């Protein structure tokens, strides 16, 4: 990987505090969709390990499940990384968009 996920274009950033916020963010991401979008989505979550794991699982599986229900392509790439001293981040972007951007 010759780039960092923070370098990808982002259309919306979600600052998630708990699983309820994560479910709301997933619903919003699914409604906005990845089709015809040249940007991705970023989810920030607290660095508390137990909460971060639950939020990460909720977001990644929720997006995949939501796209399947809408019969949309589920070819989504995502990365989890240390965003800053207080947050982890997940960046989600369509694989076709990633290819178009040259990454």
N, C-alpha and C. Protein backbone atom coordinates (compact mmCIF):
# COMPACT_ATOMS: atom_id res chain seq x y z
N UNK A 1 0.87 -1.18 0.00
CA UNK A 1 0.00 0.00 0.00
C UNK A 1 0.91 1.23 0.00
N UNK A 2 0.85 2.02 -1.06
CA UNK A 2 1.70 3.19 -1.18
C UNK A 2 0.96 4.48 -0.86
N UNK A 3 -0.13 4.40 -0.16
CA UNK A 3 -0.87 5.57 0.28
C UNK A 3 -1.44 5.28 1.66
N UNK A 4 -1.91 6.30 2.31
CA UNK A 4 -2.57 6.13 3.60
C UNK A 4 -4.05 6.44 3.42
N UNK A 5 -4.94 5.72 4.10
CA UNK A 5 -6.38 5.94 3.93
C UNK A 5 -6.82 7.38 4.19
N UNK A 6 -6.07 8.11 5.01
CA UNK A 6 -6.45 9.51 5.27
C UNK A 6 -6.29 10.38 4.02
N UNK A 7 -5.56 9.89 2.99
CA UNK A 7 -5.35 10.64 1.76
C UNK A 7 -6.52 10.52 0.78
N UNK A 8 -7.45 9.61 1.04
CA UNK A 8 -8.58 9.41 0.14
C UNK A 8 -9.60 10.54 0.29
N UNK A 9 -10.28 10.92 -0.80
CA UNK A 9 -11.32 11.95 -0.70
C UNK A 9 -12.52 11.43 0.10
N UNK A 10 -13.01 12.26 1.02
CA UNK A 10 -14.09 11.89 1.93
C UNK A 10 -15.26 12.84 1.71
N UNK A 11 -16.46 12.28 1.56
CA UNK A 11 -17.65 13.12 1.38
C UNK A 11 -18.32 13.45 2.71
N UNK A 12 -18.21 12.54 3.68
CA UNK A 12 -18.86 12.79 4.97
C UNK A 12 -18.09 12.06 6.07
N UNK A 13 -17.96 12.74 7.22
CA UNK A 13 -17.28 12.17 8.38
C UNK A 13 -18.30 11.99 9.49
N UNK A 14 -18.32 10.81 10.08
CA UNK A 14 -19.22 10.49 11.18
C UNK A 14 -18.40 10.33 12.46
N UNK A 15 -18.75 11.07 13.50
CA UNK A 15 -18.08 10.94 14.80
C UNK A 15 -18.99 10.10 15.69
N UNK A 16 -18.64 8.85 15.86
CA UNK A 16 -19.49 7.86 16.53
C UNK A 16 -19.05 7.70 17.99
N UNK A 17 -20.03 7.69 18.89
CA UNK A 17 -19.73 7.51 20.32
C UNK A 17 -20.14 6.13 20.83
N UNK A 18 -21.18 5.52 20.23
CA UNK A 18 -21.67 4.23 20.70
C UNK A 18 -22.32 3.46 19.55
N UNK A 19 -22.82 2.28 19.86
CA UNK A 19 -23.41 1.42 18.82
C UNK A 19 -24.67 2.02 18.20
N UNK A 20 -25.43 2.77 18.95
CA UNK A 20 -26.64 3.43 18.41
C UNK A 20 -26.24 4.43 17.33
N UNK A 21 -25.22 5.26 17.64
CA UNK A 21 -24.71 6.20 16.64
C UNK A 21 -24.19 5.45 15.40
N UNK A 22 -23.55 4.30 15.62
CA UNK A 22 -23.02 3.51 14.51
C UNK A 22 -24.14 3.03 13.60
N UNK A 23 -25.24 2.57 14.19
CA UNK A 23 -26.38 2.10 13.40
C UNK A 23 -26.98 3.24 12.58
N UNK A 24 -27.07 4.42 13.19
CA UNK A 24 -27.58 5.59 12.48
C UNK A 24 -26.66 5.98 11.32
N UNK A 25 -25.35 5.92 11.55
CA UNK A 25 -24.38 6.25 10.50
C UNK A 25 -24.47 5.26 9.35
N UNK A 26 -24.60 3.97 9.68
CA UNK A 26 -24.72 2.95 8.64
C UNK A 26 -25.95 3.21 7.78
N UNK A 27 -27.06 3.52 8.42
CA UNK A 27 -28.30 3.81 7.68
C UNK A 27 -28.09 5.00 6.74
N UNK A 28 -27.41 6.04 7.22
CA UNK A 28 -27.15 7.21 6.40
C UNK A 28 -26.21 6.89 5.25
N UNK A 29 -25.17 6.10 5.51
CA UNK A 29 -24.22 5.71 4.46
C UNK A 29 -24.95 4.91 3.37
N UNK A 30 -25.80 4.00 3.78
CA UNK A 30 -26.55 3.18 2.81
C UNK A 30 -27.48 4.06 1.98
N UNK A 31 -28.14 5.03 2.63
CA UNK A 31 -29.05 5.93 1.89
C UNK A 31 -28.28 6.79 0.90
N UNK A 32 -27.09 7.27 1.28
CA UNK A 32 -26.28 8.08 0.36
C UNK A 32 -25.69 7.19 -0.73
N UNK A 33 -25.27 6.00 -0.38
CA UNK A 33 -24.76 5.01 -1.33
C UNK A 33 -23.36 5.30 -1.82
N UNK A 34 -22.81 4.32 -2.50
CA UNK A 34 -21.46 4.41 -3.05
C UNK A 34 -21.48 4.57 -4.56
N UNK A 35 -22.65 4.33 -5.17
CA UNK A 35 -22.79 4.39 -6.62
C UNK A 35 -22.62 5.82 -7.11
N UNK A 36 -21.86 6.00 -8.19
CA UNK A 36 -21.63 7.31 -8.82
C UNK A 36 -21.04 8.32 -7.84
N UNK A 37 -20.24 7.87 -6.90
CA UNK A 37 -19.64 8.75 -5.90
C UNK A 37 -18.12 8.62 -6.00
N UNK A 38 -17.45 9.75 -6.08
CA UNK A 38 -16.00 9.75 -6.20
C UNK A 38 -15.31 9.99 -4.85
N UNK A 39 -16.05 9.82 -3.79
CA UNK A 39 -15.49 9.97 -2.45
C UNK A 39 -15.92 8.79 -1.60
N UNK A 40 -15.30 8.69 -0.44
CA UNK A 40 -15.67 7.65 0.51
C UNK A 40 -16.29 8.27 1.75
N UNK A 41 -16.39 7.47 2.78
CA UNK A 41 -16.94 7.90 4.06
C UNK A 41 -15.92 7.58 5.15
N UNK A 42 -15.87 8.43 6.17
CA UNK A 42 -14.97 8.20 7.29
C UNK A 42 -15.80 8.13 8.57
N UNK A 43 -15.50 7.11 9.38
CA UNK A 43 -16.16 6.93 10.67
C UNK A 43 -15.09 7.05 11.74
N UNK A 44 -15.26 8.03 12.64
CA UNK A 44 -14.35 8.19 13.77
C UNK A 44 -14.99 7.53 14.98
N UNK A 45 -14.18 6.81 15.76
CA UNK A 45 -14.70 6.15 16.96
C UNK A 45 -13.68 6.26 18.08
N UNK A 46 -14.16 6.21 19.33
CA UNK A 46 -13.25 6.36 20.47
C UNK A 46 -12.22 5.23 20.51
N UNK A 47 -11.07 5.50 21.11
CA UNK A 47 -10.00 4.50 21.17
C UNK A 47 -10.20 3.45 22.25
N UNK A 48 -11.30 3.51 22.98
CA UNK A 48 -11.56 2.45 23.95
C UNK A 48 -11.80 1.15 23.18
N UNK A 49 -10.96 0.18 23.38
CA UNK A 49 -10.91 -1.02 22.56
C UNK A 49 -12.25 -1.74 22.43
N UNK A 50 -12.94 -1.97 23.54
CA UNK A 50 -14.19 -2.72 23.51
C UNK A 50 -15.25 -2.00 22.68
N UNK A 51 -15.38 -0.70 22.88
CA UNK A 51 -16.36 0.09 22.13
C UNK A 51 -15.97 0.16 20.65
N UNK A 52 -14.68 0.38 20.38
CA UNK A 52 -14.21 0.49 19.00
C UNK A 52 -14.48 -0.79 18.22
N UNK A 53 -14.26 -1.94 18.84
CA UNK A 53 -14.51 -3.22 18.15
C UNK A 53 -15.98 -3.37 17.81
N UNK A 54 -16.85 -3.02 18.75
CA UNK A 54 -18.29 -3.12 18.49
C UNK A 54 -18.73 -2.17 17.39
N UNK A 55 -18.24 -0.94 17.44
CA UNK A 55 -18.60 0.05 16.42
C UNK A 55 -18.07 -0.40 15.06
N UNK A 56 -16.82 -0.85 15.02
CA UNK A 56 -16.23 -1.30 13.75
C UNK A 56 -17.01 -2.45 13.14
N UNK A 57 -17.39 -3.41 13.97
CA UNK A 57 -18.17 -4.54 13.49
C UNK A 57 -19.54 -4.08 12.98
N UNK A 58 -20.18 -3.20 13.75
CA UNK A 58 -21.51 -2.69 13.36
C UNK A 58 -21.44 -1.97 12.01
N UNK A 59 -20.42 -1.15 11.83
CA UNK A 59 -20.29 -0.37 10.60
C UNK A 59 -19.99 -1.27 9.40
N UNK A 60 -18.98 -2.12 9.52
CA UNK A 60 -18.58 -2.92 8.35
C UNK A 60 -19.64 -3.93 7.95
N UNK A 61 -20.20 -4.64 8.91
CA UNK A 61 -21.23 -5.62 8.55
C UNK A 61 -22.54 -4.94 8.18
N UNK A 62 -22.84 -3.82 8.82
CA UNK A 62 -24.07 -3.09 8.52
C UNK A 62 -24.08 -2.54 7.11
N UNK A 63 -22.95 -2.00 6.67
CA UNK A 63 -22.87 -1.46 5.31
C UNK A 63 -23.01 -2.59 4.29
N UNK A 64 -22.32 -3.69 4.51
CA UNK A 64 -22.42 -4.83 3.59
C UNK A 64 -23.85 -5.36 3.53
N UNK A 65 -24.46 -5.53 4.68
CA UNK A 65 -25.82 -6.05 4.74
C UNK A 65 -26.80 -5.07 4.07
N UNK A 66 -26.65 -3.78 4.35
CA UNK A 66 -27.55 -2.78 3.76
C UNK A 66 -27.44 -2.72 2.25
N UNK A 67 -26.21 -2.82 1.74
CA UNK A 67 -26.03 -2.82 0.28
C UNK A 67 -26.63 -4.06 -0.35
N UNK A 68 -26.52 -5.18 0.34
CA UNK A 68 -27.11 -6.42 -0.17
C UNK A 68 -28.63 -6.28 -0.25
N UNK A 69 -29.24 -5.70 0.78
CA UNK A 69 -30.69 -5.53 0.78
C UNK A 69 -31.17 -4.61 -0.34
N UNK A 70 -30.35 -3.62 -0.70
CA UNK A 70 -30.72 -2.70 -1.78
C UNK A 70 -30.30 -3.23 -3.15
N UNK A 71 -29.74 -4.45 -3.18
CA UNK A 71 -29.24 -5.07 -4.42
C UNK A 71 -28.21 -4.20 -5.12
N UNK A 72 -27.35 -3.56 -4.33
CA UNK A 72 -26.25 -2.77 -4.89
C UNK A 72 -24.95 -3.55 -4.75
N UNK A 73 -23.97 -3.15 -5.53
CA UNK A 73 -22.67 -3.79 -5.49
C UNK A 73 -22.05 -3.63 -4.10
N UNK A 74 -21.51 -4.74 -3.59
CA UNK A 74 -20.90 -4.71 -2.26
C UNK A 74 -19.38 -4.71 -2.36
N UNK A 75 -18.86 -4.23 -3.47
CA UNK A 75 -17.41 -4.20 -3.68
C UNK A 75 -16.83 -2.96 -3.01
N UNK A 76 -16.78 -3.00 -1.68
CA UNK A 76 -16.34 -1.88 -0.87
C UNK A 76 -15.03 -2.23 -0.19
N UNK A 77 -14.09 -1.30 -0.22
CA UNK A 77 -12.82 -1.47 0.51
C UNK A 77 -12.89 -0.61 1.77
N UNK A 78 -12.30 -1.11 2.84
CA UNK A 78 -12.23 -0.30 4.05
C UNK A 78 -10.93 -0.54 4.78
N UNK A 79 -10.50 0.48 5.51
CA UNK A 79 -9.30 0.43 6.32
C UNK A 79 -9.61 0.99 7.70
N UNK A 80 -9.01 0.41 8.70
CA UNK A 80 -9.10 0.92 10.06
C UNK A 80 -7.70 1.36 10.46
N UNK A 81 -7.59 2.55 11.05
CA UNK A 81 -6.28 3.06 11.43
C UNK A 81 -6.40 4.01 12.62
N UNK A 82 -5.25 4.33 13.22
CA UNK A 82 -5.19 5.30 14.31
C UNK A 82 -5.30 6.69 13.70
N UNK A 83 -6.40 7.38 13.98
CA UNK A 83 -6.63 8.70 13.39
C UNK A 83 -5.88 9.78 14.18
N UNK A 84 -6.06 9.80 15.47
CA UNK A 84 -5.34 10.71 16.36
C UNK A 84 -5.27 10.07 17.74
N UNK A 85 -4.85 10.83 18.75
CA UNK A 85 -4.65 10.22 20.06
C UNK A 85 -5.95 9.77 20.72
N UNK A 86 -7.10 10.26 20.25
CA UNK A 86 -8.38 9.92 20.86
C UNK A 86 -9.28 9.04 19.99
N UNK A 87 -8.92 8.85 18.71
CA UNK A 87 -9.83 8.17 17.78
C UNK A 87 -9.14 7.15 16.89
N UNK A 88 -9.88 6.09 16.62
CA UNK A 88 -9.60 5.22 15.49
C UNK A 88 -10.50 5.72 14.36
N UNK A 89 -10.18 5.36 13.13
CA UNK A 89 -11.03 5.74 12.00
C UNK A 89 -11.18 4.55 11.06
N UNK A 90 -12.34 4.48 10.44
CA UNK A 90 -12.59 3.53 9.36
C UNK A 90 -12.92 4.36 8.13
N UNK A 91 -12.22 4.09 7.04
CA UNK A 91 -12.52 4.74 5.77
C UNK A 91 -13.11 3.69 4.85
N UNK A 92 -14.29 3.98 4.31
CA UNK A 92 -14.97 3.08 3.38
C UNK A 92 -15.09 3.76 2.03
N UNK A 93 -14.74 3.03 0.97
CA UNK A 93 -14.82 3.58 -0.38
C UNK A 93 -15.07 2.44 -1.37
N UNK A 94 -15.76 2.75 -2.43
CA UNK A 94 -16.02 1.77 -3.48
C UNK A 94 -14.71 1.38 -4.15
N UNK A 95 -14.54 0.10 -4.42
CA UNK A 95 -13.31 -0.37 -5.06
C UNK A 95 -13.15 0.22 -6.46
N UNK A 96 -14.25 0.41 -7.18
CA UNK A 96 -14.16 1.00 -8.53
C UNK A 96 -13.71 2.46 -8.44
N UNK A 97 -14.18 3.18 -7.44
CA UNK A 97 -13.75 4.57 -7.24
C UNK A 97 -12.27 4.61 -6.90
N UNK A 98 -11.83 3.69 -6.08
CA UNK A 98 -10.43 3.62 -5.70
C UNK A 98 -9.56 3.41 -6.94
N UNK A 99 -10.01 2.55 -7.85
CA UNK A 99 -9.29 2.30 -9.08
C UNK A 99 -9.27 3.55 -9.97
N UNK A 100 -10.41 4.23 -10.08
CA UNK A 100 -10.50 5.46 -10.89
C UNK A 100 -9.56 6.54 -10.37
N UNK A 101 -9.40 6.62 -9.05
CA UNK A 101 -8.53 7.63 -8.46
C UNK A 101 -7.07 7.27 -8.57
N UNK A 102 -6.77 6.05 -9.00
CA UNK A 102 -5.39 5.64 -9.22
C UNK A 102 -4.70 5.11 -7.97
N UNK A 103 -5.45 4.68 -7.00
CA UNK A 103 -4.84 4.13 -5.78
C UNK A 103 -4.78 2.62 -5.86
